[in-house]
Amino acid sequence: MTKRRVLIISFVAVIIFGLLIGGKILYQKQWIDSSILTQSQKISGIVSVKTVQGDGQAELDVTTQHIANLRQVSLSLETIVGKEPIRYLDHRNASLTTLFDQMQFPIQEGITRGNFTEMQQSIQTMAKKAGVQVQLQMDSDNIYVLLEQGKAQLIEVVERHDQGQFLPSKELS
C-alpha cells in the first residue's frame, strides 16, 4: 500500500512539474516574445526581433534595416527587453567588416586610456580614407558604431564596462 502511494504521488508530481514547465514555455513564447516584437517594431530601423537560445541562455536577435540613430534604437530596445542580451543582425559587407576590425585598435585604446577625442578623430579619418560613412556615438556605458557604404550597413555596440547587454553583431544570413 505504501509503495502504491509513493508511486501515485511521484506520478502526480511529475505531471505537475511538466505542466508548470510547459506553461512557462508557452507564456514566454506567446506573451513575452509577442509583446517584445510588437513594441520593438515601432522603433525605426527594426524589422524583427526573435528570442533564441545561445550558450545556454536566452538572447534577442534583432534584424535591422537601415538604422539612422543606433544609440536611440539601442536605448529603446534596452527599455523594452530588460536584461536579455541583444545581438544586432545587420547588412554588412567584407570591406565594412575589415574596416571595423581595424577600428578596434583606437576603440579599445579609447576605452582603456579614456582618450575618446583621439579615438573619434582616428575613426573618422579611417572611415574617410575607406570611403565609408561613419556615425559614432557614446554614452557612459557604450560606444555606438554605425558604418555605411552604399546599401551595406555595419552596426556594432561596444560595451565600455562589459555589462553583457550587447553581444557582437552578425551579418544577416
Protein backbone atom coordinates (compact mmCIF):
# COMPACT_ATOMS: atom_id res chain seq x y z
CA MET A 1 0.00 0.00 0.00
CA THR A 2 2.84 2.45 0.86
CA LYS A 3 4.66 1.71 -2.39
CA ARG A 4 1.50 2.43 -4.31
CA ARG A 5 1.02 5.82 -2.56
CA VAL A 6 4.61 6.81 -3.24
CA LEU A 7 4.21 5.80 -6.88
CA ILE A 8 0.97 7.81 -7.25
CA ILE A 9 2.45 10.87 -5.51
CA SER A 10 5.57 10.68 -7.70
CA PHE A 11 3.47 10.33 -10.84
CA VAL A 12 1.32 13.34 -9.89
CA ALA A 13 4.45 15.39 -9.06
CA VAL A 14 5.98 14.63 -12.46
CA ILE A 15 2.75 15.63 -14.23
CA ILE A 16 2.51 18.89 -12.27
CA PHE A 17 6.18 19.65 -12.96
CA GLY A 18 5.62 19.02 -16.69
CA LEU A 19 2.59 21.30 -16.73
CA LEU A 20 4.50 24.06 -14.99
CA ILE A 21 7.42 23.85 -17.43
CA GLY A 22 5.05 23.73 -20.40
CA GLY A 23 3.14 26.73 -19.05
CA LYS A 24 6.34 28.70 -18.61
CA ILE A 25 7.43 27.97 -22.19
CA LEU A 26 4.00 28.86 -23.55
CA TYR A 27 3.95 32.08 -21.55
CA GLN A 28 7.45 33.01 -22.80
CA LYS A 29 6.66 32.31 -26.45
CA GLN A 30 3.10 33.62 -26.66
CA TRP A 31 3.02 36.66 -24.41
CA ILE A 32 6.52 37.87 -23.66
CA ASP A 33 8.00 37.37 -27.15
CA SER A 34 4.96 38.79 -28.93
CA SER A 35 4.95 41.79 -26.58
CA ILE A 36 8.64 42.47 -27.27
CA LEU A 37 8.07 42.04 -31.02
CA THR A 38 5.09 44.41 -31.05
CA GLN A 39 6.89 47.10 -29.07
CA SER A 40 10.17 46.81 -30.98
CA GLN A 41 8.55 47.06 -34.41
CA LYS A 42 7.55 50.61 -33.50
CA ILE A 43 11.27 51.51 -33.48
CA SER A 44 12.51 52.87 -36.80
CA GLY A 45 15.01 50.52 -38.46
CA ILE A 46 13.92 47.34 -36.63
CA VAL A 47 12.48 44.65 -38.92
CA SER A 48 12.05 41.78 -36.47
CA VAL A 49 13.04 40.57 -33.03
CA LYS A 50 13.42 36.94 -32.07
CA THR A 51 14.38 35.25 -28.81
CA VAL A 52 16.90 32.47 -29.36
CA GLN A 53 18.91 30.20 -27.08
CA GLY A 54 22.64 30.87 -27.22
CA ASP A 55 25.25 29.45 -24.86
CA GLY A 56 22.56 28.16 -22.53
CA GLN A 57 20.80 31.49 -22.11
CA ALA A 58 18.14 33.42 -23.99
CA GLU A 59 19.31 36.24 -26.23
CA LEU A 60 17.50 38.62 -28.51
CA ASP A 61 18.37 38.66 -32.23
CA VAL A 62 17.34 42.00 -33.74
CA THR A 63 17.10 42.15 -37.53
CA THR A 64 17.75 45.67 -38.80
CA GLN A 65 17.10 47.64 -41.96
CA HIS A 66 18.93 50.97 -42.23
CA ILE A 67 19.10 52.31 -38.70
CA ALA A 68 19.58 56.08 -38.57
CA ASN A 69 20.38 56.58 -34.86
CA LEU A 70 21.95 53.49 -33.28
CA ARG A 71 22.20 54.96 -29.78
CA GLN A 72 18.50 55.84 -29.64
CA VAL A 73 17.46 52.44 -31.05
CA SER A 74 19.69 50.63 -28.54
CA LEU A 75 18.36 52.58 -25.57
CA SER A 76 14.78 51.93 -26.70
CA LEU A 77 15.48 48.19 -27.05
CA GLU A 78 17.12 48.05 -23.62
CA THR A 79 13.98 49.58 -22.11
CA ILE A 80 11.75 47.01 -23.82
CA VAL A 81 13.76 43.82 -23.21
CA GLY A 82 15.29 44.46 -19.81
CA LYS A 83 18.29 42.23 -19.09
CA GLU A 84 18.26 39.89 -22.11
CA PRO A 85 21.43 40.31 -24.21
CA ILE A 86 20.85 41.94 -27.61
CA ARG A 87 22.54 40.91 -30.87
CA TYR A 88 22.07 43.02 -33.99
CA LEU A 89 21.80 41.28 -37.36
CA ASP A 90 22.91 43.77 -40.00
CA HIS A 91 23.67 44.04 -43.72
CA ARG A 92 27.45 44.33 -43.67
CA ASN A 93 29.91 43.62 -46.42
CA ALA A 94 33.52 42.42 -46.30
CA SER A 95 35.07 45.89 -46.54
CA LEU A 96 32.96 47.21 -43.64
CA THR A 97 33.93 44.19 -41.54
CA THR A 98 37.62 44.73 -42.31
CA LEU A 99 37.37 48.43 -41.53
CA PHE A 100 35.62 47.76 -38.22
CA ASP A 101 38.30 45.22 -37.29
CA GLN A 102 40.93 47.93 -37.91
CA MET A 103 38.91 50.40 -35.83
CA GLN A 104 39.15 48.09 -32.83
CA PHE A 105 42.60 49.49 -32.03
CA PRO A 106 41.52 53.11 -31.47
CA ILE A 107 38.24 51.99 -29.85
CA GLN A 108 39.95 49.75 -27.30
CA GLU A 109 42.63 52.37 -26.69
CA GLY A 110 39.93 54.97 -26.14
CA ILE A 111 38.15 52.74 -23.62
CA THR A 112 41.38 51.89 -21.79
CA ARG A 113 43.01 55.31 -21.73
CA GLY A 114 39.92 57.49 -21.88
CA ASN A 115 41.18 59.46 -24.88
CA PHE A 116 37.85 59.46 -26.69
CA THR A 117 38.54 62.61 -28.72
CA GLU A 118 41.58 60.95 -30.30
CA MET A 119 39.53 57.78 -30.84
CA GLN A 120 36.85 59.74 -32.68
CA GLN A 121 39.37 61.57 -34.87
CA SER A 122 41.17 58.33 -35.73
CA ILE A 123 37.93 56.53 -36.61
CA GLN A 124 36.69 59.46 -38.71
CA THR A 125 40.00 59.51 -40.62
CA MET A 126 39.93 55.74 -41.22
CA ALA A 127 36.34 55.87 -42.48
CA LYS A 128 37.02 58.83 -44.77
CA LYS A 129 40.03 57.05 -46.34
CA ALA A 130 37.88 53.95 -46.94
CA GLY A 131 35.02 55.96 -48.44
CA VAL A 132 32.65 54.91 -45.66
CA GLN A 133 30.12 57.00 -43.76
CA VAL A 134 30.54 56.63 -40.00
CA GLN A 135 28.24 57.56 -37.16
CA LEU A 136 29.99 57.37 -33.81
CA GLN A 137 28.11 58.00 -30.58
CA MET A 138 28.93 57.32 -26.97
CA ASP A 139 27.41 57.33 -23.51
CA SER A 140 28.67 56.23 -20.10
CA ASP A 141 28.11 52.53 -20.92
CA ASN A 142 28.64 52.01 -24.66
CA ILE A 143 30.23 53.20 -27.87
CA TYR A 144 27.83 53.01 -30.82
CA VAL A 145 29.43 52.46 -34.23
CA LEU A 146 27.40 52.64 -37.43
CA LEU A 147 29.26 52.20 -40.73
CA GLU A 148 27.54 52.65 -44.10
CA GLN A 149 28.76 52.01 -47.61
CA GLY A 150 26.07 52.11 -50.28
CA LYS A 151 23.31 49.76 -49.13
CA ALA A 152 25.60 47.91 -46.71
CA GLN A 153 25.44 48.81 -43.03
CA LEU A 154 27.52 47.50 -40.13
CA ILE A 155 26.09 48.01 -36.65
CA GLU A 156 28.14 47.45 -33.52
CA VAL A 157 27.69 48.40 -29.88
CA VAL A 158 30.97 48.20 -27.97
CA GLU A 159 30.45 47.99 -24.23
CA ARG A 160 32.81 50.08 -22.15
CA HIS A 161 32.38 48.04 -18.96
CA ASP A 162 31.49 44.50 -20.21
CA GLN A 163 27.91 44.63 -18.92
CA GLY A 164 26.79 41.79 -21.20
CA GLN A 165 23.79 43.71 -22.57
CA PHE A 166 25.05 43.76 -26.18
CA LEU A 167 26.57 40.80 -28.00
CA PRO A 168 28.81 41.12 -31.07
CA SER A 169 26.70 41.80 -34.16
CA LYS A 170 26.46 39.40 -37.07
CA GLU A 171 25.70 39.61 -40.74
CA LEU A 172 22.13 38.73 -41.59
CA SER A 173 22.20 35.43 -43.40
